[in-house]
C-alpha cells in the first residue's frame, strides 16, 4: 500500500466526492418533500416508494462504484 499510496488516495477522493453528491441529493430531496408538499396518502406513498428504491439501489450503486474505482485506479498496474 505504501508503494501505491497515490492511487489509493485518488480512489478514496473520487469515492468521497461521488458519495457526498449522492448524500446531498437524497438529503435535499428529504428537505424538499417535507417543506413543500402537504402530508397526504399520495405523497406518503410516493415518498415511501422512493425510500424503498433508494434503500435497494444506493448500496448497490456504492458497491459498483467501489468496484469501478478499485479496478480503474488500484488494480491497474
N, C-alpha and C. Protein backbone atom coordinates (compact mmCIF):
# COMPACT_ATOMS: atom_id res chain seq x y z
N UNK A 1 0.83 -1.19 0.00
CA UNK A 1 0.00 0.00 0.00
C UNK A 1 0.87 1.25 0.00
N UNK A 2 2.01 1.17 0.64
CA UNK A 2 2.89 2.32 0.69
C UNK A 2 3.35 2.71 -0.70
N UNK A 3 3.61 1.69 -1.53
CA UNK A 3 4.09 1.92 -2.89
C UNK A 3 3.04 2.64 -3.75
N UNK A 4 1.78 2.23 -3.65
CA UNK A 4 0.70 2.79 -4.47
C UNK A 4 -0.20 3.73 -3.69
N UNK A 5 0.37 4.48 -2.77
CA UNK A 5 -0.44 5.36 -1.93
C UNK A 5 -1.21 6.38 -2.76
N UNK A 6 -0.61 6.91 -3.82
CA UNK A 6 -1.28 7.90 -4.66
C UNK A 6 -2.54 7.36 -5.30
N UNK A 7 -2.48 6.11 -5.74
CA UNK A 7 -3.67 5.51 -6.35
C UNK A 7 -4.79 5.35 -5.33
N UNK A 8 -4.44 4.89 -4.12
CA UNK A 8 -5.44 4.74 -3.07
C UNK A 8 -6.03 6.09 -2.69
N UNK A 9 -5.20 7.10 -2.63
CA UNK A 9 -5.65 8.43 -2.25
C UNK A 9 -6.62 8.98 -3.29
N UNK A 10 -6.26 8.87 -4.57
CA UNK A 10 -7.15 9.34 -5.65
C UNK A 10 -8.46 8.57 -5.65
N UNK A 11 -8.38 7.24 -5.48
CA UNK A 11 -9.60 6.42 -5.46
C UNK A 11 -10.50 6.82 -4.29
N UNK A 12 -9.91 7.04 -3.13
CA UNK A 12 -10.69 7.48 -1.97
C UNK A 12 -11.31 8.85 -2.17
N UNK A 13 -10.57 9.75 -2.80
CA UNK A 13 -11.10 11.09 -3.06
C UNK A 13 -12.28 11.03 -4.03
N UNK A 14 -12.15 10.25 -5.09
CA UNK A 14 -13.25 10.12 -6.05
C UNK A 14 -14.47 9.50 -5.38
N UNK A 15 -14.26 8.45 -4.59
CA UNK A 15 -15.38 7.82 -3.89
C UNK A 15 -16.05 8.80 -2.94
N UNK A 16 -15.26 9.58 -2.20
CA UNK A 16 -15.83 10.53 -1.26
C UNK A 16 -16.64 11.61 -1.97
N UNK A 17 -16.17 12.08 -3.10
CA UNK A 17 -16.89 13.11 -3.84
C UNK A 17 -18.22 12.56 -4.37
N UNK A 18 -18.19 11.38 -4.98
CA UNK A 18 -19.42 10.81 -5.53
C UNK A 18 -20.40 10.45 -4.41
N UNK A 19 -19.90 9.88 -3.32
CA UNK A 19 -20.77 9.55 -2.20
C UNK A 19 -21.37 10.82 -1.58
N UNK A 20 -20.59 11.88 -1.50
CA UNK A 20 -21.10 13.15 -0.98
C UNK A 20 -22.19 13.72 -1.85
N UNK A 21 -22.04 13.61 -3.15
CA UNK A 21 -23.07 14.11 -4.07
C UNK A 21 -24.35 13.30 -3.91
N UNK A 22 -24.23 11.98 -3.80
CA UNK A 22 -25.42 11.14 -3.60
C UNK A 22 -26.10 11.51 -2.28
N UNK A 23 -25.32 11.69 -1.23
CA UNK A 23 -25.88 12.08 0.07
C UNK A 23 -26.56 13.44 -0.01
N UNK A 24 -25.96 14.37 -0.71
CA UNK A 24 -26.53 15.71 -0.83
C UNK A 24 -27.86 15.67 -1.59
N UNK A 25 -27.91 14.90 -2.67
CA UNK A 25 -29.15 14.80 -3.46
C UNK A 25 -30.26 14.16 -2.64
N UNK A 26 -29.96 13.06 -1.96
CA UNK A 26 -31.01 12.41 -1.17
C UNK A 26 -31.42 13.26 0.02
N UNK A 27 -30.49 13.96 0.64
CA UNK A 27 -30.84 14.86 1.74
C UNK A 27 -31.68 16.04 1.26
N UNK A 28 -31.32 16.59 0.11
CA UNK A 28 -32.08 17.70 -0.46
C UNK A 28 -33.50 17.26 -0.78
N UNK A 29 -33.66 16.05 -1.31
CA UNK A 29 -34.98 15.53 -1.61
C UNK A 29 -35.82 15.45 -0.34
N UNK A 30 -35.24 14.97 0.75
CA UNK A 30 -35.98 14.85 2.01
C UNK A 30 -36.44 16.20 2.53
N UNK A 31 -35.59 17.20 2.48
CA UNK A 31 -35.96 18.54 2.93
C UNK A 31 -37.01 19.13 2.01
N UNK A 32 -36.85 18.96 0.72
CA UNK A 32 -37.80 19.50 -0.25
C UNK A 32 -39.19 18.92 -0.04
N UNK A 33 -39.27 17.61 0.16
CA UNK A 33 -40.58 16.96 0.34
C UNK A 33 -41.24 17.42 1.63
N UNK A 34 -40.49 17.52 2.71
CA UNK A 34 -41.11 17.90 3.98
C UNK A 34 -41.52 19.36 4.02
N UNK A 35 -40.88 20.22 3.25
CA UNK A 35 -41.22 21.63 3.29
C UNK A 35 -42.30 22.04 2.29
N UNK A 36 -42.33 21.41 1.13
CA UNK A 36 -43.17 21.93 0.05
C UNK A 36 -44.40 21.09 -0.29
N UNK A 37 -44.53 19.91 0.26
CA UNK A 37 -45.69 19.10 -0.07
C UNK A 37 -46.54 18.88 1.17
N UNK A 38 -47.84 18.90 0.95
CA UNK A 38 -48.76 18.61 2.05
C UNK A 38 -48.72 17.12 2.36
N UNK A 39 -48.92 16.82 3.60
CA UNK A 39 -48.89 15.42 4.02
C UNK A 39 -50.25 14.79 3.69
N UNK A 40 -50.25 13.88 2.77
CA UNK A 40 -51.44 13.10 2.46
C UNK A 40 -51.02 11.71 2.00
N UNK A 41 -51.98 10.87 1.72
CA UNK A 41 -51.68 9.48 1.39
C UNK A 41 -50.84 9.35 0.12
N UNK A 42 -51.18 10.11 -0.90
CA UNK A 42 -50.48 10.00 -2.18
C UNK A 42 -49.00 10.34 -2.04
N UNK A 43 -48.70 11.50 -1.43
CA UNK A 43 -47.28 11.89 -1.29
C UNK A 43 -46.56 10.98 -0.31
N UNK A 44 -47.27 10.46 0.67
CA UNK A 44 -46.65 9.49 1.57
C UNK A 44 -46.29 8.21 0.84
N UNK A 45 -47.17 7.77 -0.05
CA UNK A 45 -46.90 6.58 -0.86
C UNK A 45 -45.73 6.81 -1.80
N UNK A 46 -45.70 7.95 -2.47
CA UNK A 46 -44.59 8.28 -3.38
C UNK A 46 -43.27 8.35 -2.61
N UNK A 47 -43.29 9.02 -1.47
CA UNK A 47 -42.07 9.13 -0.66
C UNK A 47 -41.62 7.75 -0.18
N UNK A 48 -42.55 6.90 0.21
CA UNK A 48 -42.20 5.55 0.64
C UNK A 48 -41.60 4.73 -0.48
N UNK A 49 -42.17 4.83 -1.68
CA UNK A 49 -41.63 4.11 -2.82
C UNK A 49 -40.23 4.59 -3.18
N UNK A 50 -40.02 5.89 -3.13
CA UNK A 50 -38.69 6.42 -3.40
C UNK A 50 -37.71 5.97 -2.32
N UNK A 51 -38.16 5.94 -1.07
CA UNK A 51 -37.30 5.47 0.02
C UNK A 51 -36.90 4.02 -0.15
N UNK A 52 -37.85 3.16 -0.52
CA UNK A 52 -37.54 1.75 -0.74
C UNK A 52 -36.59 1.60 -1.93
N UNK A 53 -36.83 2.37 -2.99
CA UNK A 53 -35.94 2.34 -4.14
C UNK A 53 -34.53 2.76 -3.76
N UNK A 54 -34.40 3.83 -2.99
CA UNK A 54 -33.08 4.27 -2.54
C UNK A 54 -32.43 3.22 -1.63
N UNK A 55 -33.24 2.57 -0.79
CA UNK A 55 -32.71 1.53 0.10
C UNK A 55 -32.12 0.36 -0.68
N UNK A 56 -32.70 0.08 -1.84
CA UNK A 56 -32.21 -1.02 -2.67
C UNK A 56 -31.04 -0.58 -3.55
N UNK A 57 -31.17 0.55 -4.23
CA UNK A 57 -30.20 0.92 -5.25
C UNK A 57 -28.98 1.68 -4.75
N UNK A 58 -29.07 2.39 -3.66
CA UNK A 58 -27.90 3.12 -3.17
C UNK A 58 -26.80 2.17 -2.71
N UNK A 59 -27.07 1.13 -1.90
CA UNK A 59 -25.97 0.20 -1.58
C UNK A 59 -25.43 -0.52 -2.82
N UNK A 60 -26.30 -0.87 -3.76
CA UNK A 60 -25.85 -1.49 -5.00
C UNK A 60 -24.95 -0.53 -5.77
N UNK A 61 -25.35 0.73 -5.83
CA UNK A 61 -24.55 1.74 -6.53
C UNK A 61 -23.21 1.96 -5.86
N UNK A 62 -23.19 2.00 -4.52
CA UNK A 62 -21.91 2.13 -3.81
C UNK A 62 -21.01 0.94 -4.09
N UNK A 63 -21.57 -0.25 -4.15
CA UNK A 63 -20.78 -1.44 -4.45
C UNK A 63 -20.18 -1.38 -5.85
N UNK A 64 -20.99 -1.00 -6.82
CA UNK A 64 -20.49 -0.87 -8.20
C UNK A 64 -19.44 0.23 -8.30
N UNK A 65 -19.66 1.33 -7.59
CA UNK A 65 -18.70 2.43 -7.58
C UNK A 65 -17.38 1.99 -6.97
N UNK A 66 -17.44 1.26 -5.87
CA UNK A 66 -16.23 0.77 -5.23
C UNK A 66 -15.49 -0.19 -6.16
N UNK A 67 -16.23 -1.06 -6.84
CA UNK A 67 -15.61 -1.99 -7.78
C UNK A 67 -14.94 -1.25 -8.92
N UNK A 68 -15.61 -0.25 -9.48
CA UNK A 68 -15.05 0.51 -10.59
C UNK A 68 -13.79 1.26 -10.16
N UNK A 69 -13.85 1.90 -9.00
CA UNK A 69 -12.68 2.64 -8.52
C UNK A 69 -11.52 1.70 -8.27
N UNK A 70 -11.79 0.55 -7.68
CA UNK A 70 -10.72 -0.42 -7.42
C UNK A 70 -10.08 -0.90 -8.72
N UNK A 71 -10.91 -1.28 -9.69
CA UNK A 71 -10.37 -1.80 -10.95
C UNK A 71 -9.64 -0.70 -11.73
N UNK A 72 -10.19 0.50 -11.73
CA UNK A 72 -9.62 1.57 -12.53
C UNK A 72 -8.34 2.15 -11.93
N UNK A 73 -8.31 2.37 -10.63
CA UNK A 73 -7.20 3.11 -10.04
C UNK A 73 -6.22 2.26 -9.24
N UNK A 74 -6.68 1.22 -8.60
CA UNK A 74 -5.81 0.48 -7.69
C UNK A 74 -5.23 -0.76 -8.34
N UNK A 75 -6.08 -1.54 -8.99
CA UNK A 75 -5.63 -2.81 -9.56
C UNK A 75 -4.79 -2.61 -10.82
N UNK A 76 -5.00 -1.49 -11.51
CA UNK A 76 -4.27 -1.22 -12.75
C UNK A 76 -2.78 -1.08 -12.46
N UNK A 77 -1.99 -1.86 -13.14
CA UNK A 77 -0.54 -1.80 -12.90
C UNK A 77 0.20 -1.59 -14.17
